[in-house]
């Protein structure tokens, strides 16, 4: 399921970013999208998950993030 949902969601994000930008700002907007997703989003998510695993446990951490993703 991840390959389908990731592909669809990232395609939607790229398409929306392209609609928000002009011809001259398209590259910058696409770069910001990639930087925010891969740099900030995955970086902060990995850091928070890493700190949560020891006190909460792996299973509870994964369940917490699954629940947060569902509500988001």
N, C-alpha and C. Protein backbone atom coordinates (compact mmCIF):
# COMPACT_ATOMS: atom_id res chain seq x y z
N UNK A 1 0.82 -1.20 0.00
CA UNK A 1 0.00 0.00 0.00
C UNK A 1 0.86 1.26 0.00
N UNK A 2 2.05 1.20 0.60
CA UNK A 2 2.87 2.41 0.69
C UNK A 2 3.27 2.93 -0.69
N UNK A 3 3.59 2.02 -1.59
CA UNK A 3 4.02 2.48 -2.92
C UNK A 3 2.89 3.20 -3.64
N UNK A 4 1.68 2.75 -3.46
CA UNK A 4 0.54 3.39 -4.12
C UNK A 4 0.21 4.72 -3.44
N UNK A 5 0.11 4.71 -2.12
CA UNK A 5 -0.28 5.93 -1.42
C UNK A 5 0.79 7.00 -1.50
N UNK A 6 2.06 6.61 -1.40
CA UNK A 6 3.14 7.60 -1.50
C UNK A 6 3.17 8.19 -2.90
N UNK A 7 3.07 7.33 -3.90
CA UNK A 7 3.11 7.81 -5.28
C UNK A 7 1.99 8.78 -5.57
N UNK A 8 0.80 8.46 -5.12
CA UNK A 8 -0.34 9.34 -5.37
C UNK A 8 -0.24 10.65 -4.59
N UNK A 9 0.16 10.56 -3.33
CA UNK A 9 0.22 11.78 -2.52
C UNK A 9 1.34 12.71 -2.98
N UNK A 10 2.48 12.16 -3.33
CA UNK A 10 3.58 13.02 -3.77
C UNK A 10 3.28 13.62 -5.15
N UNK A 11 2.63 12.85 -6.01
CA UNK A 11 2.22 13.38 -7.31
C UNK A 11 1.23 14.52 -7.12
N UNK A 12 0.31 14.36 -6.20
CA UNK A 12 -0.65 15.44 -5.92
C UNK A 12 0.06 16.67 -5.37
N UNK A 13 1.05 16.48 -4.50
CA UNK A 13 1.78 17.61 -3.93
C UNK A 13 2.58 18.35 -5.01
N UNK A 14 3.22 17.61 -5.90
CA UNK A 14 3.99 18.23 -6.98
C UNK A 14 3.07 18.98 -7.94
N UNK A 15 1.93 18.39 -8.25
CA UNK A 15 0.97 19.05 -9.14
C UNK A 15 0.42 20.33 -8.51
N UNK A 16 0.10 20.27 -7.23
CA UNK A 16 -0.41 21.45 -6.53
C UNK A 16 0.65 22.53 -6.46
N UNK A 17 1.90 22.15 -6.18
CA UNK A 17 2.99 23.13 -6.14
C UNK A 17 3.19 23.77 -7.51
N UNK A 18 3.04 22.99 -8.55
CA UNK A 18 3.18 23.54 -9.91
C UNK A 18 2.06 24.53 -10.22
N UNK A 19 0.87 24.27 -9.71
CA UNK A 19 -0.25 25.20 -9.94
C UNK A 19 -0.07 26.50 -9.16
N UNK A 20 0.59 26.43 -8.01
CA UNK A 20 0.82 27.63 -7.21
C UNK A 20 1.93 28.51 -7.76
N UNK A 21 2.82 27.93 -8.54
CA UNK A 21 4.00 28.66 -8.99
C UNK A 21 3.80 29.22 -10.39
N UNK A 22 4.70 30.13 -10.74
CA UNK A 22 4.74 30.65 -12.10
C UNK A 22 5.86 29.95 -12.85
N UNK A 23 6.07 30.32 -14.09
CA UNK A 23 7.12 29.69 -14.89
C UNK A 23 8.49 29.99 -14.29
N UNK A 24 8.68 31.17 -13.76
CA UNK A 24 9.98 31.54 -13.22
C UNK A 24 10.23 30.99 -11.81
N UNK A 25 9.18 30.68 -11.06
CA UNK A 25 9.36 30.19 -9.70
C UNK A 25 9.11 28.69 -9.55
N UNK A 26 8.84 28.00 -10.64
CA UNK A 26 8.50 26.58 -10.57
C UNK A 26 9.63 25.75 -9.96
N UNK A 27 10.85 25.98 -10.39
CA UNK A 27 11.98 25.21 -9.88
C UNK A 27 12.18 25.45 -8.38
N UNK A 28 12.06 26.69 -7.96
CA UNK A 28 12.22 27.02 -6.53
C UNK A 28 11.15 26.36 -5.68
N UNK A 29 9.90 26.39 -6.14
CA UNK A 29 8.79 25.80 -5.39
C UNK A 29 8.96 24.29 -5.29
N UNK A 30 9.33 23.66 -6.39
CA UNK A 30 9.55 22.21 -6.38
C UNK A 30 10.71 21.84 -5.46
N UNK A 31 11.76 22.66 -5.45
CA UNK A 31 12.89 22.43 -4.55
C UNK A 31 12.50 22.57 -3.10
N UNK A 32 11.67 23.58 -2.80
CA UNK A 32 11.20 23.76 -1.43
C UNK A 32 10.32 22.59 -1.00
N UNK A 33 9.48 22.11 -1.90
CA UNK A 33 8.63 20.96 -1.58
C UNK A 33 9.49 19.74 -1.23
N UNK A 34 10.46 19.45 -2.07
CA UNK A 34 11.34 18.30 -1.81
C UNK A 34 12.15 18.48 -0.54
N UNK A 35 12.66 19.69 -0.32
CA UNK A 35 13.44 19.96 0.89
C UNK A 35 12.62 19.84 2.16
N UNK A 36 11.40 20.34 2.12
CA UNK A 36 10.54 20.23 3.30
C UNK A 36 10.13 18.79 3.57
N UNK A 37 9.81 18.07 2.51
CA UNK A 37 9.36 16.69 2.70
C UNK A 37 10.51 15.79 3.15
N UNK A 38 11.58 15.77 2.36
CA UNK A 38 12.68 14.85 2.65
C UNK A 38 13.58 15.36 3.77
N UNK A 39 13.83 16.65 3.82
CA UNK A 39 14.74 17.19 4.82
C UNK A 39 14.08 17.38 6.18
N UNK A 40 13.08 18.23 6.22
CA UNK A 40 12.45 18.57 7.49
C UNK A 40 11.51 17.46 7.96
N UNK A 41 10.62 17.02 7.10
CA UNK A 41 9.61 16.03 7.51
C UNK A 41 10.21 14.71 7.94
N UNK A 42 11.02 14.12 7.10
CA UNK A 42 11.61 12.83 7.45
C UNK A 42 12.66 12.97 8.54
N UNK A 43 13.38 14.09 8.54
CA UNK A 43 14.39 14.30 9.58
C UNK A 43 13.79 14.44 10.97
N UNK A 44 12.79 15.29 11.09
CA UNK A 44 12.14 15.50 12.39
C UNK A 44 11.38 14.24 12.81
N UNK A 45 10.72 13.59 11.86
CA UNK A 45 9.99 12.36 12.19
C UNK A 45 10.91 11.27 12.70
N UNK A 46 12.06 11.11 12.06
CA UNK A 46 13.01 10.10 12.51
C UNK A 46 13.59 10.44 13.88
N UNK A 47 13.85 11.70 14.10
CA UNK A 47 14.39 12.14 15.39
C UNK A 47 13.39 11.91 16.52
N UNK A 48 12.14 12.29 16.29
CA UNK A 48 11.11 12.10 17.32
C UNK A 48 10.87 10.61 17.58
N UNK A 49 10.76 9.83 16.51
CA UNK A 49 10.58 8.37 16.68
C UNK A 49 11.74 7.76 17.44
N UNK A 50 12.95 8.19 17.12
CA UNK A 50 14.12 7.65 17.80
C UNK A 50 14.10 7.92 19.29
N UNK A 51 13.69 9.13 19.67
CA UNK A 51 13.62 9.46 21.09
C UNK A 51 12.44 8.78 21.79
N UNK A 52 11.39 8.46 21.06
CA UNK A 52 10.22 7.82 21.67
C UNK A 52 10.40 6.33 21.89
N UNK A 53 11.25 5.69 21.11
CA UNK A 53 11.36 4.23 21.17
C UNK A 53 11.82 3.74 22.53
N UNK A 54 12.82 4.40 23.12
CA UNK A 54 13.34 3.89 24.39
C UNK A 54 12.32 3.99 25.53
N UNK A 55 11.71 5.13 25.78
CA UNK A 55 10.77 5.18 26.92
C UNK A 55 9.42 4.51 26.64
N UNK A 56 8.96 4.51 25.39
CA UNK A 56 7.62 4.03 25.08
C UNK A 56 7.63 2.62 24.53
N UNK A 57 8.66 2.28 23.75
CA UNK A 57 8.74 0.98 23.11
C UNK A 57 8.45 1.09 21.62
N UNK A 58 8.98 0.15 20.87
CA UNK A 58 8.84 0.20 19.42
C UNK A 58 7.39 0.05 18.99
N UNK A 59 6.72 -0.93 19.52
CA UNK A 59 5.34 -1.20 19.11
C UNK A 59 4.42 -0.01 19.40
N UNK A 60 4.53 0.56 20.58
CA UNK A 60 3.68 1.70 20.96
C UNK A 60 4.02 2.94 20.12
N UNK A 61 5.29 3.11 19.81
CA UNK A 61 5.70 4.24 18.97
C UNK A 61 5.09 4.13 17.59
N UNK A 62 5.16 2.95 16.99
CA UNK A 62 4.59 2.75 15.66
C UNK A 62 3.08 2.94 15.71
N UNK A 63 2.43 2.44 16.76
CA UNK A 63 0.99 2.62 16.88
C UNK A 63 0.62 4.09 17.05
N UNK A 64 1.41 4.82 17.82
CA UNK A 64 1.16 6.25 17.99
C UNK A 64 1.24 6.99 16.66
N UNK A 65 2.30 6.73 15.88
CA UNK A 65 2.45 7.41 14.61
C UNK A 65 1.38 6.98 13.61
N UNK A 66 0.97 5.74 13.66
CA UNK A 66 -0.12 5.27 12.78
C UNK A 66 -1.42 6.00 13.13
N UNK A 67 -1.68 6.16 14.42
CA UNK A 67 -2.88 6.87 14.85
C UNK A 67 -2.82 8.35 14.47
N UNK A 68 -1.65 8.95 14.68
CA UNK A 68 -1.50 10.37 14.31
C UNK A 68 -1.66 10.57 12.81
N UNK A 69 -1.14 9.63 12.03
CA UNK A 69 -1.29 9.72 10.57
C UNK A 69 -2.74 9.56 10.16
N UNK A 70 -3.45 8.67 10.82
CA UNK A 70 -4.86 8.46 10.51
C UNK A 70 -5.67 9.74 10.75
N UNK A 71 -5.42 10.40 11.88
CA UNK A 71 -6.16 11.62 12.19
C UNK A 71 -5.72 12.79 11.31
N UNK A 72 -4.47 12.79 10.91
CA UNK A 72 -3.98 13.87 10.05
C UNK A 72 -4.60 13.76 8.69
